């Protein structure tokens, strides 16, 4: 059984859900609205670089640990101040229903 120090959940994050708003031209603009606030543990996992038209772009991935949730979906975002993490996937690390580990990519704006 996985045991974590309760003090490891020291980052206060906003869980944001996507909302599509019509743009008046047949398309939609994606905005995000607050769903919940949660204490979390943020662990940087990797950094990668790729070349794009405007030069080199960096991609930083994180694992963000939350207390178990059943309302998560890919495409949601976790936000801490100006830092934004796009939720790519999630899992129960020890299948006990106590924690959820989210694989996220930091959105660099």
N, C-alpha and C. Protein backbone atom coordinates (compact mmCIF):
# COMPACT_ATOMS: atom_id res chain seq x y z
N UNK A 1 0.84 -1.18 0.00
CA UNK A 1 0.00 0.00 0.00
C UNK A 1 0.89 1.24 0.00
N UNK A 2 0.54 2.18 -0.81
CA UNK A 2 1.26 3.43 -0.96
C UNK A 2 0.95 4.36 0.20
N UNK A 3 1.99 4.90 0.85
CA UNK A 3 1.80 5.83 1.95
C UNK A 3 2.47 7.15 1.61
N UNK A 4 1.72 8.23 1.73
CA UNK A 4 2.25 9.57 1.46
C UNK A 4 2.13 10.42 2.71
N UNK A 5 3.11 11.27 2.91
CA UNK A 5 3.06 12.25 3.98
C UNK A 5 1.98 13.27 3.64
N UNK A 6 1.02 13.53 4.50
CA UNK A 6 -0.03 14.50 4.21
C UNK A 6 0.53 15.88 3.87
N UNK A 7 1.71 16.20 4.39
CA UNK A 7 2.35 17.49 4.09
C UNK A 7 2.83 17.60 2.66
N UNK A 8 2.86 16.47 1.93
CA UNK A 8 3.30 16.49 0.53
C UNK A 8 2.28 17.19 -0.36
N UNK A 9 1.02 17.26 0.10
CA UNK A 9 -0.03 17.94 -0.67
C UNK A 9 -0.03 19.41 -0.27
N UNK A 10 0.96 20.15 -0.76
CA UNK A 10 1.18 21.53 -0.32
C UNK A 10 0.85 22.59 -1.37
N UNK A 11 0.43 22.18 -2.55
CA UNK A 11 0.10 23.14 -3.61
C UNK A 11 -1.42 23.24 -3.72
N UNK A 12 -1.94 24.44 -3.66
CA UNK A 12 -3.39 24.66 -3.81
C UNK A 12 -3.66 24.92 -5.28
N UNK A 13 -4.44 24.04 -5.92
CA UNK A 13 -4.71 24.15 -7.36
C UNK A 13 -6.20 24.36 -7.62
N UNK A 14 -6.47 25.05 -8.72
CA UNK A 14 -7.84 25.19 -9.22
C UNK A 14 -8.03 24.16 -10.32
N UNK A 15 -9.08 23.37 -10.22
CA UNK A 15 -9.44 22.42 -11.27
C UNK A 15 -10.42 23.13 -12.20
N UNK A 16 -10.02 23.28 -13.46
CA UNK A 16 -10.80 24.03 -14.43
C UNK A 16 -11.36 23.07 -15.49
N UNK A 17 -12.62 23.27 -15.85
CA UNK A 17 -13.24 22.45 -16.87
C UNK A 17 -13.49 23.28 -18.13
N UNK A 18 -13.30 22.69 -19.31
CA UNK A 18 -13.50 23.45 -20.55
C UNK A 18 -14.97 23.71 -20.84
N UNK A 19 -15.23 24.90 -21.38
CA UNK A 19 -16.57 25.30 -21.78
C UNK A 19 -16.46 25.93 -23.16
N UNK A 20 -17.20 25.38 -24.12
CA UNK A 20 -17.19 25.93 -25.48
C UNK A 20 -18.28 27.01 -25.59
N UNK A 21 -17.88 28.19 -26.05
CA UNK A 21 -18.82 29.29 -26.23
C UNK A 21 -18.88 29.62 -27.72
N UNK A 22 -20.08 29.71 -28.30
CA UNK A 22 -20.18 30.05 -29.72
C UNK A 22 -19.49 31.37 -30.02
N UNK A 23 -18.76 31.41 -31.14
CA UNK A 23 -18.04 32.64 -31.50
C UNK A 23 -18.82 33.51 -32.48
N UNK A 24 -20.05 33.10 -32.84
CA UNK A 24 -20.88 33.90 -33.73
C UNK A 24 -20.60 33.67 -35.20
N UNK A 25 -19.63 32.82 -35.52
CA UNK A 25 -19.27 32.55 -36.91
C UNK A 25 -19.33 31.05 -37.21
N UNK A 26 -20.07 30.32 -36.41
CA UNK A 26 -20.20 28.88 -36.62
C UNK A 26 -19.19 28.04 -35.87
N UNK A 27 -18.25 28.67 -35.22
CA UNK A 27 -17.23 27.96 -34.44
C UNK A 27 -17.45 28.17 -32.96
N UNK A 28 -16.44 27.89 -32.20
CA UNK A 28 -16.54 28.05 -30.75
C UNK A 28 -15.20 28.50 -30.19
N UNK A 29 -15.28 29.23 -29.11
CA UNK A 29 -14.11 29.66 -28.37
C UNK A 29 -14.08 28.86 -27.07
N UNK A 30 -12.94 28.28 -26.74
CA UNK A 30 -12.82 27.47 -25.53
C UNK A 30 -12.40 28.36 -24.37
N UNK A 31 -13.18 28.32 -23.31
CA UNK A 31 -12.82 28.99 -22.06
C UNK A 31 -12.83 27.93 -20.96
N UNK A 32 -12.37 28.30 -19.80
CA UNK A 32 -12.31 27.36 -18.68
C UNK A 32 -12.98 27.98 -17.47
N UNK A 33 -13.74 27.16 -16.77
CA UNK A 33 -14.44 27.63 -15.58
C UNK A 33 -14.03 26.77 -14.38
N UNK A 34 -14.02 27.38 -13.20
CA UNK A 34 -13.61 26.70 -11.98
C UNK A 34 -14.61 25.61 -11.60
N UNK A 35 -14.11 24.40 -11.42
CA UNK A 35 -14.93 23.27 -10.98
C UNK A 35 -14.72 23.02 -9.48
N UNK A 36 -13.44 23.08 -9.04
CA UNK A 36 -13.13 22.80 -7.64
C UNK A 36 -11.73 23.32 -7.33
N UNK A 37 -11.44 23.42 -6.05
CA UNK A 37 -10.09 23.71 -5.58
C UNK A 37 -9.62 22.49 -4.80
N UNK A 38 -8.33 22.17 -4.95
CA UNK A 38 -7.82 20.95 -4.30
C UNK A 38 -6.36 21.14 -3.89
N UNK A 39 -6.00 20.48 -2.81
CA UNK A 39 -4.60 20.41 -2.41
C UNK A 39 -3.94 19.32 -3.23
N UNK A 40 -2.71 19.56 -3.66
CA UNK A 40 -2.04 18.63 -4.56
C UNK A 40 -0.54 18.59 -4.30
N UNK A 41 0.07 17.60 -4.89
CA UNK A 41 1.53 17.43 -4.89
C UNK A 41 1.96 17.47 -6.35
N UNK A 42 2.88 18.37 -6.69
CA UNK A 42 3.34 18.53 -8.08
C UNK A 42 4.75 17.99 -8.20
N UNK A 43 4.95 17.06 -9.14
CA UNK A 43 6.27 16.47 -9.39
C UNK A 43 6.64 16.66 -10.85
N UNK A 44 7.69 17.44 -11.14
CA UNK A 44 8.16 17.52 -12.53
C UNK A 44 8.66 16.14 -12.97
N UNK A 45 8.34 15.75 -14.21
CA UNK A 45 8.72 14.43 -14.71
C UNK A 45 9.75 14.53 -15.82
N UNK A 46 9.46 15.35 -16.82
CA UNK A 46 10.39 15.42 -17.95
C UNK A 46 10.28 16.76 -18.66
N UNK A 47 11.29 17.04 -19.46
CA UNK A 47 11.28 18.21 -20.32
C UNK A 47 11.76 17.77 -21.69
N UNK A 48 11.10 18.26 -22.70
CA UNK A 48 11.48 17.92 -24.07
C UNK A 48 11.45 19.17 -24.91
N UNK A 49 12.09 19.11 -26.04
CA UNK A 49 12.11 20.25 -26.96
C UNK A 49 11.74 19.78 -28.35
N UNK A 50 11.09 20.65 -29.08
CA UNK A 50 10.78 20.37 -30.47
C UNK A 50 10.94 21.66 -31.26
N UNK A 51 11.19 21.50 -32.55
CA UNK A 51 11.35 22.66 -33.40
C UNK A 51 10.03 22.97 -34.08
N UNK A 52 9.63 24.21 -33.99
CA UNK A 52 8.42 24.66 -34.65
C UNK A 52 8.76 25.88 -35.48
N UNK A 53 7.78 26.41 -36.18
CA UNK A 53 8.02 27.52 -37.11
C UNK A 53 8.68 28.72 -36.44
N UNK A 54 8.32 28.99 -35.20
CA UNK A 54 8.89 30.16 -34.53
C UNK A 54 10.11 29.83 -33.68
N UNK A 55 10.69 28.66 -33.85
CA UNK A 55 11.90 28.28 -33.12
C UNK A 55 11.68 27.08 -32.23
N UNK A 56 12.55 26.93 -31.25
CA UNK A 56 12.49 25.78 -30.37
C UNK A 56 11.39 25.96 -29.32
N UNK A 57 10.60 24.91 -29.09
CA UNK A 57 9.53 24.93 -28.11
C UNK A 57 9.80 23.85 -27.08
N UNK A 58 9.61 24.18 -25.82
CA UNK A 58 9.84 23.23 -24.74
C UNK A 58 8.52 22.71 -24.21
N UNK A 59 8.52 21.43 -23.83
CA UNK A 59 7.35 20.77 -23.27
C UNK A 59 7.75 20.20 -21.91
N UNK A 60 7.10 20.64 -20.86
CA UNK A 60 7.41 20.18 -19.51
C UNK A 60 6.23 19.35 -19.01
N UNK A 61 6.50 18.11 -18.59
CA UNK A 61 5.43 17.27 -18.06
C UNK A 61 5.58 17.13 -16.55
N UNK A 62 4.45 16.92 -15.92
CA UNK A 62 4.38 16.79 -14.46
C UNK A 62 3.43 15.66 -14.11
N UNK A 63 3.64 15.09 -12.94
CA UNK A 63 2.64 14.23 -12.32
C UNK A 63 2.09 15.04 -11.16
N UNK A 64 0.79 15.20 -11.15
CA UNK A 64 0.13 15.95 -10.09
C UNK A 64 -0.76 14.98 -9.32
N UNK A 65 -0.45 14.85 -8.04
CA UNK A 65 -1.19 13.94 -7.15
C UNK A 65 -2.32 14.69 -6.48
N UNK A 66 -3.51 14.11 -6.52
CA UNK A 66 -4.69 14.65 -5.85
C UNK A 66 -5.31 13.56 -4.98
N UNK A 67 -6.11 13.96 -4.03
CA UNK A 67 -6.94 12.97 -3.36
C UNK A 67 -7.91 12.44 -4.42
N UNK A 68 -8.36 11.22 -4.29
CA UNK A 68 -9.17 10.57 -5.32
C UNK A 68 -10.34 11.43 -5.76
N UNK A 69 -10.54 11.48 -7.09
CA UNK A 69 -11.66 12.22 -7.68
C UNK A 69 -12.27 11.34 -8.76
N UNK A 70 -13.57 11.46 -8.96
CA UNK A 70 -14.21 10.70 -10.03
C UNK A 70 -14.79 11.61 -11.11
N UNK A 71 -14.43 12.89 -11.08
CA UNK A 71 -14.98 13.84 -12.05
C UNK A 71 -13.93 14.37 -13.02
N UNK A 72 -12.79 13.71 -13.14
CA UNK A 72 -11.73 14.18 -14.03
C UNK A 72 -11.94 13.70 -15.45
N UNK A 73 -11.53 14.53 -16.40
CA UNK A 73 -11.57 14.19 -17.82
C UNK A 73 -10.35 14.79 -18.49
N UNK A 74 -9.84 14.09 -19.51
CA UNK A 74 -8.74 14.66 -20.30
C UNK A 74 -9.21 15.98 -20.88
N UNK A 75 -8.31 16.94 -20.95
CA UNK A 75 -8.66 18.26 -21.48
C UNK A 75 -8.92 19.29 -20.39
N UNK A 76 -9.19 18.81 -19.17
CA UNK A 76 -9.34 19.75 -18.05
C UNK A 76 -7.98 20.39 -17.77
N UNK A 77 -7.99 21.40 -16.95
CA UNK A 77 -6.74 22.06 -16.57
C UNK A 77 -6.67 22.19 -15.06
N UNK A 78 -5.44 22.16 -14.56
CA UNK A 78 -5.15 22.48 -13.18
C UNK A 78 -4.34 23.77 -13.22
N UNK A 79 -4.67 24.70 -12.34
CA UNK A 79 -4.00 26.00 -12.39
C UNK A 79 -3.52 26.39 -11.01
N UNK A 80 -2.31 26.93 -10.96
CA UNK A 80 -1.74 27.45 -9.72
C UNK A 80 -1.17 28.83 -10.05
N UNK A 81 -1.90 29.84 -9.70
CA UNK A 81 -1.49 31.20 -10.06
C UNK A 81 -1.44 31.32 -11.57
N UNK A 82 -0.30 31.75 -12.10
CA UNK A 82 -0.14 31.91 -13.55
C UNK A 82 0.24 30.60 -14.24
N UNK A 83 0.56 29.57 -13.47
CA UNK A 83 0.95 28.28 -14.06
C UNK A 83 -0.29 27.47 -14.40
N UNK A 84 -0.30 26.91 -15.62
CA UNK A 84 -1.43 26.13 -16.11
C UNK A 84 -0.92 24.75 -16.55
N UNK A 85 -1.61 23.70 -16.10
CA UNK A 85 -1.25 22.33 -16.43
C UNK A 85 -2.43 21.67 -17.16
N UNK A 86 -2.20 21.23 -18.40
CA UNK A 86 -3.25 20.57 -19.19
C UNK A 86 -3.27 19.08 -18.83
N UNK A 87 -4.44 18.58 -18.45
CA UNK A 87 -4.60 17.20 -18.02
C UNK A 87 -4.67 16.28 -19.24
N UNK A 88 -3.68 15.39 -19.36
CA UNK A 88 -3.63 14.47 -20.49
C UNK A 88 -4.23 13.10 -20.13
N UNK A 89 -4.03 12.68 -18.90
CA UNK A 89 -4.54 11.39 -18.45
C UNK A 89 -4.39 11.28 -16.94
N UNK A 90 -4.95 10.24 -16.36
CA UNK A 90 -4.89 10.08 -14.92
C UNK A 90 -5.05 8.61 -14.57
N UNK A 91 -4.63 8.26 -13.33
CA UNK A 91 -4.69 6.87 -12.90
C UNK A 91 -4.74 6.80 -11.38
N UNK A 92 -5.15 5.67 -10.87
CA UNK A 92 -5.11 5.37 -9.44
C UNK A 92 -3.79 4.62 -9.22
N UNK A 93 -2.82 5.21 -8.52
CA UNK A 93 -1.47 4.62 -8.47
C UNK A 93 -1.38 3.25 -7.79
N UNK A 94 -2.23 2.97 -6.82
CA UNK A 94 -2.18 1.67 -6.16
C UNK A 94 -3.55 0.98 -6.11
N UNK A 95 -4.50 1.49 -6.87
CA UNK A 95 -5.84 0.93 -7.01
C UNK A 95 -6.56 0.74 -5.68
N UNK A 96 -6.35 1.70 -4.77
CA UNK A 96 -7.05 1.67 -3.49
C UNK A 96 -8.15 2.73 -3.42
N UNK A 97 -8.23 3.60 -4.43
CA UNK A 97 -9.24 4.65 -4.44
C UNK A 97 -8.94 5.82 -3.53
N UNK A 98 -7.67 5.94 -3.09
CA UNK A 98 -7.30 7.04 -2.20
C UNK A 98 -6.71 8.24 -2.94
N UNK A 99 -5.97 7.98 -4.03
CA UNK A 99 -5.28 9.04 -4.75
C UNK A 99 -5.56 8.94 -6.25
N UNK A 100 -5.38 10.06 -6.92
CA UNK A 100 -5.39 10.10 -8.38
C UNK A 100 -4.13 10.81 -8.80
N UNK A 101 -3.38 10.21 -9.72
CA UNK A 101 -2.18 10.83 -10.27
C UNK A 101 -2.51 11.29 -11.68
N UNK A 102 -2.34 12.58 -11.92
CA UNK A 102 -2.66 13.17 -13.22
C UNK A 102 -1.35 13.40 -14.01
N UNK A 103 -1.32 12.96 -15.24
CA UNK A 103 -0.19 13.26 -16.12
C UNK A 103 -0.57 14.54 -16.84
N UNK A 104 0.25 15.58 -16.67
CA UNK A 104 -0.08 16.89 -17.21
C UNK A 104 1.11 17.47 -17.99
N UNK A 105 0.77 18.34 -18.92
CA UNK A 105 1.79 19.12 -19.62
C UNK A 105 1.58 20.57 -19.24
N UNK A 106 2.65 21.24 -18.81
CA UNK A 106 2.54 22.64 -18.45
C UNK A 106 2.34 23.47 -19.71
N UNK A 107 1.36 24.33 -19.68
CA UNK A 107 1.07 25.21 -20.81
C UNK A 107 1.90 26.47 -20.62
N UNK A 108 2.87 26.67 -21.49
CA UNK A 108 3.74 27.83 -21.39
C UNK A 108 3.16 28.96 -22.24
N UNK A 109 2.75 30.03 -21.57
CA UNK A 109 2.13 31.14 -22.29
C UNK A 109 3.06 32.32 -22.40
